[in-house]
Amino acid sequence: MIYDVYGYGEPGLGDQPQRLAEALGVEWALHESDYRGSYRAARIGTGKLRLQSNDLRDGEDRYHQEPGFPECRYLLFVDKSDRPDEVRSRLASLPQWRFLYRSVVG
């Protein structure tokens, strides 16, 4: 299984959720989580997308979901995708979304 992570450095998302949805051909569903806060999720092929803040809070403690990329205020996770390279190609139209890394499991 392949897991890709992309980062966005601006302080606010603005129209990025809509632009991502158009580029990837998905519809976002809004979710709330004690762990992630407010985030958006969508399905793409056999995989899942998750758009969330990199700045998280655990009670009074603040931390980064991806501590190696503190300059990225928002993260796009592409989990278990059967077409990660297609996703990456589609995101090329949104150069403000920087590819951070890929993990291959199994």
PDB file of N, CA and C in Angstrom:
ATOM      1  N   MET A   1       0.833  -1.176   0.000  1.00  0.00           N
ATOM      2  CA  MET A   1       0.000   0.000   0.000  1.00  0.00           C
ATOM      3  C   MET A   1       0.878   1.239   0.000  1.00  0.00           C
ATOM      4  N   ILE A   2       0.390   2.255  -0.683  1.00  0.00           N
ATOM      5  CA  ILE A   2       1.143   3.501  -0.825  1.00  0.00           C
ATOM      6  C   ILE A   2       0.417   4.619  -0.090  1.00  0.00           C
ATOM      7  N   TYR A   3       1.216   5.402   0.653  1.00  0.00           N
ATOM      8  CA  TYR A   3       0.716   6.556   1.382  1.00  0.00           C
ATOM      9  C   TYR A   3       1.557   7.754   0.962  1.00  0.00           C
ATOM     10  N   ASP A   4       0.930   8.789   0.408  1.00  0.00           N
ATOM     11  CA  ASP A   4       1.623  10.015   0.024  1.00  0.00           C
ATOM     12  C   ASP A   4       1.136  11.164   0.898  1.00  0.00           C
ATOM     13  N   VAL A   5       2.018  12.131   1.107  1.00  0.00           N
ATOM     14  CA  VAL A   5       1.664  13.315   1.898  1.00  0.00           C
ATOM     15  C   VAL A   5       2.115  14.552   1.133  1.00  0.00           C
ATOM     16  N   TYR A   6       1.211  15.547   1.067  1.00  0.00           N
ATOM     17  CA  TYR A   6       1.468  16.830   0.428  1.00  0.00           C
ATOM     18  C   TYR A   6       1.281  17.924   1.465  1.00  0.00           C
ATOM     19  N   GLY A   7       1.972  19.036   1.277  1.00  0.00           N
ATOM     20  CA  GLY A   7       1.870  20.139   2.217  1.00  0.00           C
ATOM     21  C   GLY A   7       1.567  21.459   1.537  1.00  0.00           C
ATOM     22  N   TYR A   8       0.911  22.341   2.283  1.00  0.00           N
ATOM     23  CA  TYR A   8       0.512  23.675   1.829  1.00  0.00           C
ATOM     24  C   TYR A   8       0.944  24.664   2.901  1.00  0.00           C
ATOM     25  N   GLY A   9       1.668  25.710   2.524  1.00  0.00           N
ATOM     26  CA  GLY A   9       2.288  26.582   3.504  1.00  0.00           C
ATOM     27  C   GLY A   9       1.568  27.849   3.887  1.00  0.00           C
ATOM     28  N   GLU A  10       0.486  28.203   3.223  1.00  0.00           N
ATOM     29  CA  GLU A  10      -0.206  29.455   3.536  1.00  0.00           C
ATOM     30  C   GLU A  10      -0.963  29.345   4.865  1.00  0.00           C
ATOM     31  N   PRO A  11      -1.178  30.478   5.558  1.00  0.00           N
ATOM     32  CA  PRO A  11      -1.832  30.426   6.865  1.00  0.00           C
ATOM     33  C   PRO A  11      -3.310  30.044   6.818  1.00  0.00           C
ATOM     34  N   GLY A  12      -3.972  30.222   5.688  1.00  0.00           N
ATOM     35  CA  GLY A  12      -5.375  29.838   5.545  1.00  0.00           C
ATOM     36  C   GLY A  12      -5.576  29.047   4.268  1.00  0.00           C
ATOM     37  N   LEU A  13      -6.599  28.189   4.250  1.00  0.00           N
ATOM     38  CA  LEU A  13      -6.857  27.374   3.063  1.00  0.00           C
ATOM     39  C   LEU A  13      -7.556  28.129   1.939  1.00  0.00           C
ATOM     40  N   GLY A  14      -8.337  29.149   2.279  1.00  0.00           N
ATOM     41  CA  GLY A  14      -9.055  29.900   1.241  1.00  0.00           C
ATOM     42  C   GLY A  14      -9.869  28.962   0.357  1.00  0.00           C
ATOM     43  N   ASP A  15      -9.655  29.039  -0.958  1.00  0.00           N
ATOM     44  CA  ASP A  15     -10.413  28.221  -1.902  1.00  0.00           C
ATOM     45  C   ASP A  15      -9.731  26.884  -2.218  1.00  0.00           C
ATOM     46  N   GLN A  16      -8.702  26.543  -1.478  1.00  0.00           N
ATOM     47  CA  GLN A  16      -7.948  25.325  -1.774  1.00  0.00           C
ATOM     48  C   GLN A  16      -8.789  24.043  -1.706  1.00  0.00           C
ATOM     49  N   PRO A  17      -9.689  23.870  -0.744  1.00  0.00           N
ATOM     50  CA  PRO A  17     -10.492  22.642  -0.768  1.00  0.00           C
ATOM     51  C   PRO A  17     -11.267  22.477  -2.076  1.00  0.00           C
ATOM     52  N   GLN A  18     -11.839  23.574  -2.577  1.00  0.00           N
ATOM     53  CA  GLN A  18     -12.581  23.502  -3.836  1.00  0.00           C
ATOM     54  C   GLN A  18     -11.649  23.216  -5.005  1.00  0.00           C
ATOM     55  N   ARG A  19     -10.501  23.860  -5.027  1.00  0.00           N
ATOM     56  CA  ARG A  19      -9.536  23.640  -6.110  1.00  0.00           C
ATOM     57  C   ARG A  19      -9.013  22.206  -6.100  1.00  0.00           C
ATOM     58  N   LEU A  20      -8.765  21.663  -4.913  1.00  0.00           N
ATOM     59  CA  LEU A  20      -8.344  20.264  -4.806  1.00  0.00           C
ATOM     60  C   LEU A  20      -9.450  19.332  -5.290  1.00  0.00           C
ATOM     61  N   ALA A  21     -10.681  19.600  -4.880  1.00  0.00           N
ATOM     62  CA  ALA A  21     -11.814  18.764  -5.289  1.00  0.00           C
ATOM     63  C   ALA A  21     -11.945  18.748  -6.811  1.00  0.00           C
ATOM     64  N   GLU A  22     -11.809  19.913  -7.433  1.00  0.00           N
ATOM     65  CA  GLU A  22     -11.905  19.987  -8.886  1.00  0.00           C
ATOM     66  C   GLU A  22     -10.753  19.244  -9.563  1.00  0.00           C
ATOM     67  N   ALA A  23      -9.540  19.444  -9.069  1.00  0.00           N
ATOM     68  CA  ALA A  23      -8.369  18.800  -9.681  1.00  0.00           C
ATOM     69  C   ALA A  23      -8.418  17.283  -9.529  1.00  0.00           C
ATOM     70  N   LEU A  24      -8.951  16.806  -8.407  1.00  0.00           N
ATOM     71  CA  LEU A  24      -8.943  15.376  -8.126  1.00  0.00           C
ATOM     72  C   LEU A  24     -10.268  14.681  -8.429  1.00  0.00           C
ATOM     73  N   GLY A  25     -11.304  15.463  -8.736  1.00  0.00           N
ATOM     74  CA  GLY A  25     -12.602  14.879  -9.059  1.00  0.00           C
ATOM     75  C   GLY A  25     -13.274  14.222  -7.856  1.00  0.00           C
ATOM     76  N   VAL A  26     -13.215  14.899  -6.706  1.00  0.00           N
ATOM     77  CA  VAL A  26     -13.806  14.343  -5.486  1.00  0.00           C
ATOM     78  C   VAL A  26     -14.746  15.358  -4.847  1.00  0.00           C
ATOM     79  N   GLU A  27     -15.520  14.874  -3.880  1.00  0.00           N
ATOM     80  CA  GLU A  27     -16.347  15.740  -3.046  1.00  0.00           C
ATOM     81  C   GLU A  27     -15.921  15.519  -1.608  1.00  0.00           C
ATOM     82  N   TRP A  28     -15.675  16.608  -0.907  1.00  0.00           N
ATOM     83  CA  TRP A  28     -15.240  16.529   0.479  1.00  0.00           C
ATOM     84  C   TRP A  28     -16.415  16.340   1.415  1.00  0.00           C
ATOM     85  N   ALA A  29     -16.194  15.562   2.455  1.00  0.00           N
ATOM     86  CA  ALA A  29     -17.120  15.459   3.584  1.00  0.00           C
ATOM     87  C   ALA A  29     -16.397  16.046   4.788  1.00  0.00           C
ATOM     88  N   LEU A  30     -17.082  16.893   5.541  1.00  0.00           N
ATOM     89  CA  LEU A  30     -16.489  17.502   6.729  1.00  0.00           C
ATOM     90  C   LEU A  30     -16.603  16.555   7.919  1.00  0.00           C
ATOM     91  N   HIS A  31     -15.532  16.505   8.712  1.00  0.00           N
ATOM     92  CA  HIS A  31     -15.487  15.645   9.890  1.00  0.00           C
ATOM     93  C   HIS A  31     -14.885  16.412  11.052  1.00  0.00           C
ATOM     94  N   GLU A  32     -15.188  15.964  12.249  1.00  0.00           N
ATOM     95  CA  GLU A  32     -14.600  16.491  13.485  1.00  0.00           C
ATOM     96  C   GLU A  32     -13.943  15.338  14.216  1.00  0.00           C
ATOM     97  N   SER A  33     -12.787  15.617  14.782  1.00  0.00           N
ATOM     98  CA  SER A  33     -12.061  14.606  15.523  1.00  0.00           C
ATOM     99  C   SER A  33     -11.367  15.265  16.707  1.00  0.00           C
ATOM    100  N   ASP A  34     -11.374  14.593  17.850  1.00  0.00           N
ATOM    101  CA  ASP A  34     -10.627  15.107  18.996  1.00  0.00           C
ATOM    102  C   ASP A  34      -9.144  15.152  18.670  1.00  0.00           C
ATOM    103  N   TYR A  35      -8.688  14.227  17.846  1.00  0.00           N
ATOM    104  CA  TYR A  35      -7.278  14.122  17.494  1.00  0.00           C
ATOM    105  C   TYR A  35      -6.873  15.106  16.399  1.00  0.00           C
ATOM    106  N   ARG A  36      -7.673  15.181  15.322  1.00  0.00           N
ATOM    107  CA  ARG A  36      -7.323  15.994  14.153  1.00  0.00           C
ATOM    108  C   ARG A  36      -8.002  17.343  14.115  1.00  0.00           C
ATOM    109  N   GLY A  37      -9.007  17.564  14.910  1.00  0.00           N
ATOM    110  CA  GLY A  37      -9.797  18.781  14.800  1.00  0.00           C
ATOM    111  C   GLY A  37     -10.747  18.668  13.616  1.00  0.00           C
ATOM    112  N   SER A  38     -11.076  19.790  12.977  1.00  0.00           N
ATOM    113  CA  SER A  38     -11.921  19.779  11.783  1.00  0.00           C
ATOM    114  C   SER A  38     -11.070  19.373  10.592  1.00  0.00           C
ATOM    115  N   TYR A  39     -11.579  18.467   9.788  1.00  0.00           N
ATOM    116  CA  TYR A  39     -10.859  18.051   8.586  1.00  0.00           C
ATOM    117  C   TYR A  39     -11.841  17.616   7.515  1.00  0.00           C
ATOM    118  N   ARG A  40     -11.341  17.475   6.319  1.00  0.00           N
ATOM    119  CA  ARG A  40     -12.147  17.036   5.179  1.00  0.00           C
ATOM    120  C   ARG A  40     -11.626  15.677   4.721  1.00  0.00           C
ATOM    121  N   ALA A  41     -12.547  14.835   4.260  1.00  0.00           N
ATOM    122  CA  ALA A  41     -12.169  13.515   3.768  1.00  0.00           C
ATOM    123  C   ALA A  41     -12.934  13.231   2.484  1.00  0.00           C
ATOM    124  N   ALA A  42     -12.322  12.404   1.642  1.00  0.00           N
ATOM    125  CA  ALA A  42     -12.959  11.996   0.387  1.00  0.00           C
ATOM    126  C   ALA A  42     -12.370  10.654  -0.025  1.00  0.00           C
ATOM    127  N   ARG A  43     -13.080   9.960  -0.876  1.00  0.00           N
ATOM    128  CA  ARG A  43     -12.583   8.719  -1.475  1.00  0.00           C
ATOM    129  C   ARG A  43     -12.107   9.025  -2.884  1.00  0.00           C
ATOM    130  N   ILE A  44     -11.026   8.329  -3.259  1.00  0.00           N
ATOM    131  CA  ILE A  44     -10.527   8.430  -4.625  1.00  0.00           C
ATOM    132  C   ILE A  44     -10.044   7.044  -5.027  1.00  0.00           C
ATOM    133  N   GLY A  45     -10.759   6.434  -5.968  1.00  0.00           N
ATOM    134  CA  GLY A  45     -10.457   5.050  -6.327  1.00  0.00           C
ATOM    135  C   GLY A  45     -10.624   4.174  -5.094  1.00  0.00           C
ATOM    136  N   THR A  46      -9.617   3.352  -4.818  1.00  0.00           N
ATOM    137  CA  THR A  46      -9.662   2.498  -3.634  1.00  0.00           C
ATOM    138  C   THR A  46      -9.111   3.209  -2.404  1.00  0.00           C
ATOM    139  N   GLY A  47      -8.625   4.420  -2.579  1.00  0.00           N
ATOM    140  CA  GLY A  47      -7.965   5.125  -1.495  1.00  0.00           C
ATOM    141  C   GLY A  47      -8.821   6.182  -0.834  1.00  0.00           C
ATOM    142  N   LYS A  48      -8.182   6.847   0.124  1.00  0.00           N
ATOM    143  CA  LYS A  48      -8.832   7.919   0.870  1.00  0.00           C
ATOM    144  C   LYS A  48      -7.945   9.154   0.838  1.00  0.00           C
ATOM    145  N   LEU A  49      -8.596  10.296   0.851  1.00  0.00           N
ATOM    146  CA  LEU A  49      -7.915  11.581   0.983  1.00  0.00           C
ATOM    147  C   LEU A  49      -8.321  12.193   2.310  1.00  0.00           C
ATOM    148  N   ARG A  50      -7.382  12.874   2.947  1.00  0.00           N
ATOM    149  CA  ARG A  50      -7.686  13.595   4.168  1.00  0.00           C
ATOM    150  C   ARG A  50      -6.958  14.926   4.115  1.00  0.00           C
ATOM    151  N   LEU A  51      -7.693  15.999   4.248  1.00  0.00           N
ATOM    152  CA  LEU A  51      -7.163  17.354   4.238  1.00  0.00           C
ATOM    153  C   LEU A  51      -7.319  17.911   5.647  1.00  0.00           C
ATOM    154  N   GLN A  52      -6.189  18.244   6.279  1.00  0.00           N
ATOM    155  CA  GLN A  52      -6.249  18.689   7.666  1.00  0.00           C
ATOM    156  C   GLN A  52      -5.127  19.662   7.974  1.00  0.00           C
ATOM    157  N   SER A  53      -5.257  20.314   9.107  1.00  0.00           N
ATOM    158  CA  SER A  53      -4.218  21.208   9.595  1.00  0.00           C
ATOM    159  C   SER A  53      -3.019  20.401  10.063  1.00  0.00           C
ATOM    160  N   ASN A  54      -1.837  20.959   9.906  1.00  0.00           N
ATOM    161  CA  ASN A  54      -0.633  20.357  10.470  1.00  0.00           C
ATOM    162  C   ASN A  54      -0.468  20.794  11.928  1.00  0.00           C
ATOM    163  N   ASP A  55      -1.162  21.845  12.319  1.00  0.00           N
ATOM    164  CA  ASP A  55      -1.087  22.393  13.675  1.00  0.00           C
ATOM    165  C   ASP A  55      -2.198  21.779  14.520  1.00  0.00           C
ATOM    166  N   LEU A  56      -1.823  20.869  15.392  1.00  0.00           N
ATOM    167  CA  LEU A  56      -2.809  20.165  16.204  1.00  0.00           C
ATOM    168  C   LEU A  56      -2.649  20.541  17.673  1.00  0.00           C
ATOM    169  N   ARG A  57      -3.642  20.178  18.454  1.00  0.00           N
ATOM    170  CA  ARG A  57      -3.667  20.528  19.874  1.00  0.00           C
ATOM    171  C   ARG A  57      -4.145  19.313  20.665  1.00  0.00           C
ATOM    172  N   ASP A  58      -3.451  19.068  21.756  1.00  0.00           N
ATOM    173  CA  ASP A  58      -3.845  18.017  22.692  1.00  0.00           C
ATOM    174  C   ASP A  58      -3.977  18.691  24.049  1.00  0.00           C
ATOM    175  N   GLY A  59      -5.200  19.070  24.389  1.00  0.00           N
ATOM    176  CA  GLY A  59      -5.406  19.862  25.603  1.00  0.00           C
ATOM    177  C   GLY A  59      -4.733  21.211  25.430  1.00  0.00           C
ATOM    178  N   GLU A  60      -3.786  21.514  26.256  1.00  0.00           N
ATOM    179  CA  GLU A  60      -3.041  22.776  26.167  1.00  0.00           C
ATOM    180  C   GLU A  60      -1.803  22.657  25.276  1.00  0.00           C
ATOM    181  N   ASP A  61      -1.418  21.445  24.939  1.00  0.00           N
ATOM    182  CA  ASP A  61      -0.203  21.226  24.148  1.00  0.00           C
ATOM    183  C   ASP A  61      -0.499  21.336  22.655  1.00  0.00           C
ATOM    184  N   ARG A  62       0.408  22.039  21.966  1.00  0.00           N
ATOM    185  CA  ARG A  62       0.310  22.166  20.504  1.00  0.00           C
ATOM    186  C   ARG A  62       1.454  21.381  19.893  1.00  0.00           C
ATOM    187  N   TYR A  63       1.185  20.769  18.754  1.00  0.00           N
ATOM    188  CA  TYR A  63       2.219  19.995  18.065  1.00  0.00           C
ATOM    189  C   TYR A  63       1.875  19.902  16.585  1.00  0.00           C
ATOM    190  N   HIS A  64       2.829  19.439  15.799  1.00  0.00           N
ATOM    191  CA  HIS A  64       2.621  19.251  14.361  1.00  0.00           C
ATOM    192  C   HIS A  64       2.345  17.779  14.068  1.00  0.00           C
ATOM    193  N   GLN A  65       1.351  17.542  13.233  1.00  0.00           N
ATOM    194  CA  GLN A  65       1.085  16.175  12.764  1.00  0.00           C
ATOM    195  C   GLN A  65       2.326  15.635  12.060  1.00  0.00           C
ATOM    196  N   GLU A  66       2.953  16.476  11.253  1.00  0.00           N
ATOM    197  CA  GLU A  66       4.186  16.134  10.550  1.00  0.00           C
ATOM    198  C   GLU A  66       5.280  17.077  11.050  1.00  0.00           C
ATOM    199  N   PRO A  67       5.964  16.726  12.144  1.00  0.00           N
ATOM    200  CA  PRO A  67       6.939  17.646  12.735  1.00  0.00           C
ATOM    201  C   PRO A  67       8.123  17.958  11.832  1.00  0.00           C
ATOM    202  N   GLY A  68       8.401  17.111  10.859  1.00  0.00           N
ATOM    203  CA  GLY A  68       9.499  17.380   9.934  1.00  0.00           C
ATOM    204  C   GLY A  68       9.187  18.468   8.920  1.00  0.00           C
ATOM    205  N   PHE A  69       7.932  18.923   8.885  1.00  0.00           N
ATOM    206  CA  PHE A  69       7.495  19.930   7.913  1.00  0.00           C
ATOM    207  C   PHE A  69       6.689  21.033   8.600  1.00  0.00           C
ATOM    208  N   PRO A  70       7.272  21.726   9.578  1.00  0.00           N
ATOM    209  CA  PRO A  70       6.513  22.748  10.306  1.00  0.00           C
ATOM    210  C   PRO A  70       6.098  23.923   9.433  1.00  0.00           C
ATOM    211  N   GLU A  71       6.756  24.130   8.288  1.00  0.00           N
ATOM    212  CA  GLU A  71       6.394  25.219   7.381  1.00  0.00           C
ATOM    213  C   GLU A  71       5.088  24.935   6.638  1.00  0.00           C
ATOM    214  N   CYS A  72       4.641  23.696   6.647  1.00  0.00           N
ATOM    215  CA  CYS A  72       3.378  23.331   5.991  1.00  0.00           C
ATOM    216  C   CYS A  72       2.252  23.472   6.999  1.00  0.00           C
ATOM    217  N   ARG A  73       1.366  24.410   6.739  1.00  0.00           N
ATOM    218  CA  ARG A  73       0.257  24.656   7.666  1.00  0.00           C
ATOM    219  C   ARG A  73      -0.867  23.641   7.487  1.00  0.00           C
ATOM    220  N   TYR A  74      -0.989  23.104   6.263  1.00  0.00           N
ATOM    221  CA  TYR A  74      -2.037  22.122   5.967  1.00  0.00           C
ATOM    222  C   TYR A  74      -1.416  20.938   5.255  1.00  0.00           C
ATOM    223  N   LEU A  75      -2.046  19.786   5.449  1.00  0.00           N
ATOM    224  CA  LEU A  75      -1.548  18.547   4.875  1.00  0.00           C
ATOM    225  C   LEU A  75      -2.656  17.851   4.097  1.00  0.00           C
ATOM    226  N   LEU A  76      -2.263  17.215   3.009  1.00  0.00           N
ATOM    227  CA  LEU A  76      -3.161  16.357   2.243  1.00  0.00           C
ATOM    228  C   LEU A  76      -2.560  14.965   2.270  1.00  0.00           C
ATOM    229  N   PHE A  77      -3.295  14.040   2.893  1.00  0.00           N
ATOM    230  CA  PHE A  77      -2.865  12.650   2.957  1.00  0.00           C
ATOM    231  C   PHE A  77      -3.599  11.862   1.876  1.00  0.00           C
ATOM    232  N   VAL A  78      -2.859  11.092   1.111  1.00  0.00           N
ATOM    233  CA  VAL A  78      -3.406  10.197   0.096  1.00  0.00           C
ATOM    234  C   VAL A  78      -3.093   8.792   0.590  1.00  0.00           C
ATOM    235  N   ASP A  79      -4.099   8.114   1.154  1.00  0.00           N
ATOM    236  CA  ASP A  79      -3.896   6.833   1.819  1.00  0.00           C
ATOM    237  C   ASP A  79      -4.433   5.670   0.998  1.00  0.00           C
ATOM    238  N   LYS A  80      -3.602   4.637   0.851  1.00  0.00           N
ATOM    239  CA  LYS A  80      -3.990   3.369   0.227  1.00  0.00           C
ATOM    240  C   LYS A  80      -4.517   3.553  -1.189  1.00  0.00           C
ATOM    241  N   SER A  81      -3.987   4.505  -1.911  1.00  0.00           N
ATOM    242  CA  SER A  81      -4.470   4.778  -3.262  1.00  0.00           C
ATOM    243  C   SER A  81      -3.956   3.727  -4.238  1.00  0.00           C
ATOM    244  N   ASP A  82      -4.822   3.328  -5.161  1.00  0.00           N
ATOM    245  CA  ASP A  82      -4.398   2.428  -6.229  1.00  0.00           C
ATOM    246  C   ASP A  82      -3.816   3.212  -7.407  1.00  0.00           C
ATOM    247  N   ARG A  83      -3.883   4.567  -7.334  1.00  0.00           N
ATOM    248  CA  ARG A  83      -3.348   5.410  -8.408  1.00  0.00           C
ATOM    249  C   ARG A  83      -2.643   6.639  -7.848  1.00  0.00           C
ATOM    250  N   PRO A  84      -1.649   6.445  -6.999  1.00  0.00           N
ATOM    251  CA  PRO A  84      -0.988   7.604  -6.393  1.00  0.00           C
ATOM    252  C   PRO A  84      -0.266   8.489  -7.405  1.00  0.00           C
ATOM    253  N   ASP A  85       0.251   7.902  -8.473  1.00  0.00           N
ATOM    254  CA  ASP A  85       0.947   8.718  -9.468  1.00  0.00           C
ATOM    255  C   ASP A  85      -0.027   9.572 -10.268  1.00  0.00           C
ATOM    256  N   GLU A  86      -1.240   9.079 -10.463  1.00  0.00           N
ATOM    257  CA  GLU A  86      -2.272   9.881 -11.124  1.00  0.00           C
ATOM    258  C   GLU A  86      -2.657  11.061 -10.237  1.00  0.00           C
ATOM    259  N   VAL A  87      -2.797  10.817  -8.945  1.00  0.00           N
ATOM    260  CA  VAL A  87      -3.098  11.901  -8.004  1.00  0.00           C
ATOM    261  C   VAL A  87      -1.987  12.938  -8.065  1.00  0.00           C
ATOM    262  N   ARG A  88      -0.755  12.482  -8.040  1.00  0.00           N
ATOM    263  CA  ARG A  88       0.387  13.395  -8.076  1.00  0.00           C
ATOM    264  C   ARG A  88       0.393  14.214  -9.361  1.00  0.00           C
ATOM    265  N   SER A  89       0.065  13.576 -10.472  1.00  0.00           N
ATOM    266  CA  SER A  89       0.003  14.274 -11.755  1.00  0.00           C
ATOM    267  C   SER A  89      -1.101  15.336 -11.751  1.00  0.00           C
ATOM    268  N   ARG A  90      -2.260  14.997 -11.205  1.00  0.00           N
ATOM    269  CA  ARG A  90      -3.364  15.958 -11.144  1.00  0.00           C
ATOM    270  C   ARG A  90      -3.029  17.142 -10.244  1.00  0.00           C
ATOM    271  N   LEU A  91      -2.278  16.881  -9.178  1.00  0.00           N
ATOM    272  CA  LEU A  91      -1.909  17.956  -8.260  1.00  0.00           C
ATOM    273  C   LEU A  91      -0.845  18.872  -8.845  1.00  0.00           C
ATOM    274  N   ALA A  92      -0.235  18.475  -9.946  1.00  0.00           N
ATOM    275  CA  ALA A  92       0.750  19.342 -10.603  1.00  0.00           C
ATOM    276  C   ALA A  92       0.111  20.653 -11.054  1.00  0.00           C
ATOM    277  N   SER A  93      -1.216  20.653 -11.258  1.00  0.00           N
ATOM    278  CA  SER A  93      -1.913  21.882 -11.642  1.00  0.00           C
ATOM    279  C   SER A  93      -2.063  22.836 -10.452  1.00  0.00           C
ATOM    280  N   LEU A  94      -1.712  22.367  -9.260  1.00  0.00           N
ATOM    281  CA  LEU A  94      -1.774  23.184  -8.044  1.00  0.00           C
ATOM    282  C   LEU A  94      -0.390  23.183  -7.398  1.00  0.00           C
ATOM    283  N   PRO A  95       0.554  23.930  -7.983  1.00  0.00           N
ATOM    284  CA  PRO A  95       1.943  23.863  -7.516  1.00  0.00           C
ATOM    285  C   PRO A  95       2.152  24.333  -6.076  1.00  0.00           C
ATOM    286  N   GLN A  96       1.171  25.015  -5.497  1.00  0.00           N
ATOM    287  CA  GLN A  96       1.293  25.420  -4.109  1.00  0.00           C
ATOM    288  C   GLN A  96       1.227  24.206  -3.168  1.00  0.00           C
ATOM    289  N   TRP A  97       0.742  23.065  -3.667  1.00  0.00           N
ATOM    290  CA  TRP A  97       0.734  21.820  -2.898  1.00  0.00           C
ATOM    291  C   TRP A  97       2.015  21.068  -3.212  1.00  0.00           C
ATOM    292  N   ARG A  98       2.869  20.989  -2.226  1.00  0.00           N
ATOM    293  CA  ARG A  98       4.195  20.392  -2.398  1.00  0.00           C
ATOM    294  C   ARG A  98       4.172  18.931  -1.948  1.00  0.00           C
ATOM    295  N   PHE A  99       4.690  18.062  -2.807  1.00  0.00           N
ATOM    296  CA  PHE A  99       4.828  16.665  -2.432  1.00  0.00           C
ATOM    297  C   PHE A  99       5.878  16.567  -1.332  1.00  0.00           C
ATOM    298  N   LEU A 100       5.537  15.927  -0.210  1.00  0.00           N
ATOM    299  CA  LEU A 100       6.455  15.822   0.918  1.00  0.00           C
ATOM    300  C   LEU A 100       7.170  14.468   0.964  1.00  0.00           C
ATOM    301  N   TYR A 101       6.403  13.390   0.918  1.00  0.00           N
ATOM    302  CA  TYR A 101       7.036  12.075   0.943  1.00  0.00           C
ATOM    303  C   TYR A 101       6.035  10.975   0.623  1.00  0.00           C
ATOM    304  N   ARG A 102       6.587   9.793   0.348  1.00  0.00           N
ATOM    305  CA  ARG A 102       5.794   8.585   0.077  1.00  0.00           C
ATOM    306  C   ARG A 102       6.269   7.492   1.008  1.00  0.00           C
ATOM    307  N   SER A 103       5.307   6.752   1.562  1.00  0.00           N
ATOM    308  CA  SER A 103       5.596   5.550   2.341  1.00  0.00           C
ATOM    309  C   SER A 103       4.966   4.374   1.629  1.00  0.00           C
ATOM    310  N   VAL A 104       5.712   3.299   1.507  1.00  0.00           N
ATOM    311  CA  VAL A 104       5.193   2.072   0.920  1.00  0.00           C
ATOM    312  C   VAL A 104       5.189   1.019   2.021  1.00  0.00           C
ATOM    313  N   VAL A 105       4.019   0.458   2.286  1.00  0.00           N
ATOM    314  CA  VAL A 105       3.855  -0.524   3.351  1.00  0.00           C
ATOM    315  C   VAL A 105       3.378  -1.834   2.745  1.00  0.00           C
ATOM    316  N   GLY A 106       4.002  -2.911   3.150  1.00  0.00           N
ATOM    317  CA  GLY A 106       3.562  -4.235   2.702  1.00  0.00           C
ATOM    318  C   GLY A 106       4.211  -4.593   1.458  1.00  0.00           C
TER     319      GLY A 106
END
